Amino acid sequence: MSSKDEPDKTCRDVGSRRHYDDKCKNDPIWQTYNRAYKAHYARYMKKKMTISEFEKWSRFASSLRDKAVAGKVDFAQYYADIRK
């Protein structure tokens, strides 16, 4: 089954994207992660960051996000650390 807006996508693809988008809109931890990810990806695309630097940051950010979601890191500290 497919969506009228995205005929080449399955319901599973569209649903998972919507779920992620909703999570980013409603959860400040995920919203912060998404914005930082996009900023760092743009640095990589503009050749201001190497692929290895981006991958290293991405692993760090995912780990930090998971700790924040689990309540192991204060949001203010998470926000400061992920934007570095």
Protein backbone atom coordinates (compact mmCIF):
# COMPACT_ATOMS: atom_id res chain seq x y z
CA MET A 1 0.00 0.00 0.00
CA SER A 2 1.32 3.50 -0.74
CA SER A 3 0.58 7.10 0.04
CA LYS A 4 -0.69 9.56 -2.59
CA ASP A 5 2.16 11.94 -1.72
CA GLU A 6 4.83 9.27 -1.95
CA PRO A 7 3.70 6.54 -4.38
CA ASP A 8 7.04 4.71 -4.32
CA LYS A 9 7.05 4.36 -0.51
CA THR A 10 5.39 1.59 1.46
CA CYS A 11 3.16 2.24 4.46
CA ARG A 12 5.97 0.95 6.66
CA ASP A 13 8.39 3.53 5.22
CA VAL A 14 5.94 6.40 5.52
CA GLY A 15 4.82 5.36 9.00
CA SER A 16 8.33 5.05 10.38
CA ARG A 17 9.23 8.50 9.03
CA ARG A 18 6.09 10.03 10.55
CA HIS A 19 6.82 8.34 13.87
CA TYR A 20 10.36 9.76 13.85
CA ASP A 21 9.10 13.24 12.90
CA ASP A 22 6.50 13.14 15.69
CA LYS A 23 9.17 12.08 18.17
CA CYS A 24 11.37 14.99 17.08
CA LYS A 25 8.51 17.48 17.41
CA ASN A 26 7.34 16.31 20.84
CA ASP A 27 10.54 15.33 22.63
CA PRO A 28 13.17 18.04 23.29
CA ILE A 29 15.95 15.44 23.52
CA TRP A 30 15.19 14.06 20.05
CA GLN A 31 14.60 17.56 18.66
CA THR A 32 18.02 18.69 19.91
CA TYR A 33 19.67 15.54 18.51
CA ASN A 34 18.02 16.01 15.11
CA ARG A 35 19.10 19.66 14.84
CA ALA A 36 22.67 18.87 15.90
CA TYR A 37 22.82 15.95 13.45
CA LYS A 38 21.68 18.14 10.58
CA ALA A 39 24.21 20.84 11.50
CA HIS A 40 27.09 18.36 11.65
CA TYR A 41 25.98 16.66 8.44
CA ALA A 42 26.01 20.05 6.70
CA ARG A 43 29.58 20.58 7.92
CA TYR A 44 30.53 17.24 6.41
CA MET A 45 28.81 18.07 3.11
CA LYS A 46 30.62 21.42 2.92
CA LYS A 47 33.94 19.63 3.51
CA LYS A 48 34.44 21.37 6.88
CA MET A 49 34.46 17.95 8.53
CA THR A 50 35.81 14.60 7.31
CA ILE A 51 33.67 11.48 7.10
CA SER A 52 35.61 9.91 9.97
CA GLU A 53 35.07 13.01 12.14
CA PHE A 54 31.37 12.96 11.29
CA GLU A 55 31.02 9.24 12.06
CA LYS A 56 32.87 9.70 15.37
CA TRP A 57 30.58 12.61 16.31
CA SER A 58 27.51 10.63 15.22
CA ARG A 59 28.39 7.69 17.49
CA PHE A 60 29.06 10.10 20.36
CA ALA A 61 25.76 11.94 19.77
CA SER A 62 23.71 8.73 19.59
CA SER A 63 25.24 7.49 22.83
CA LEU A 64 24.66 10.83 24.54
CA ARG A 65 21.05 10.94 23.28
CA ASP A 66 20.39 7.45 24.62
CA LYS A 67 21.79 8.43 28.03
CA ALA A 68 19.61 11.56 28.08
CA VAL A 69 16.50 9.55 27.16
CA ALA A 70 17.31 7.11 29.98
CA GLY A 71 17.63 10.03 32.42
CA LYS A 72 21.35 9.49 33.06
CA VAL A 73 22.29 12.97 31.74
CA ASP A 74 20.67 16.28 32.67
CA PHE A 75 19.03 18.02 29.68
CA ALA A 76 21.08 21.21 30.07
CA GLN A 77 24.32 19.22 30.03
CA TYR A 78 23.09 17.12 27.11
CA TYR A 79 22.18 20.25 25.16
CA ALA A 80 25.61 21.80 25.75
CA ASP A 81 27.56 18.62 24.95
CA ILE A 82 25.72 17.60 21.78
CA ARG A 83 26.21 20.99 20.14
CA LYS A 84 30.01 20.89 20.40
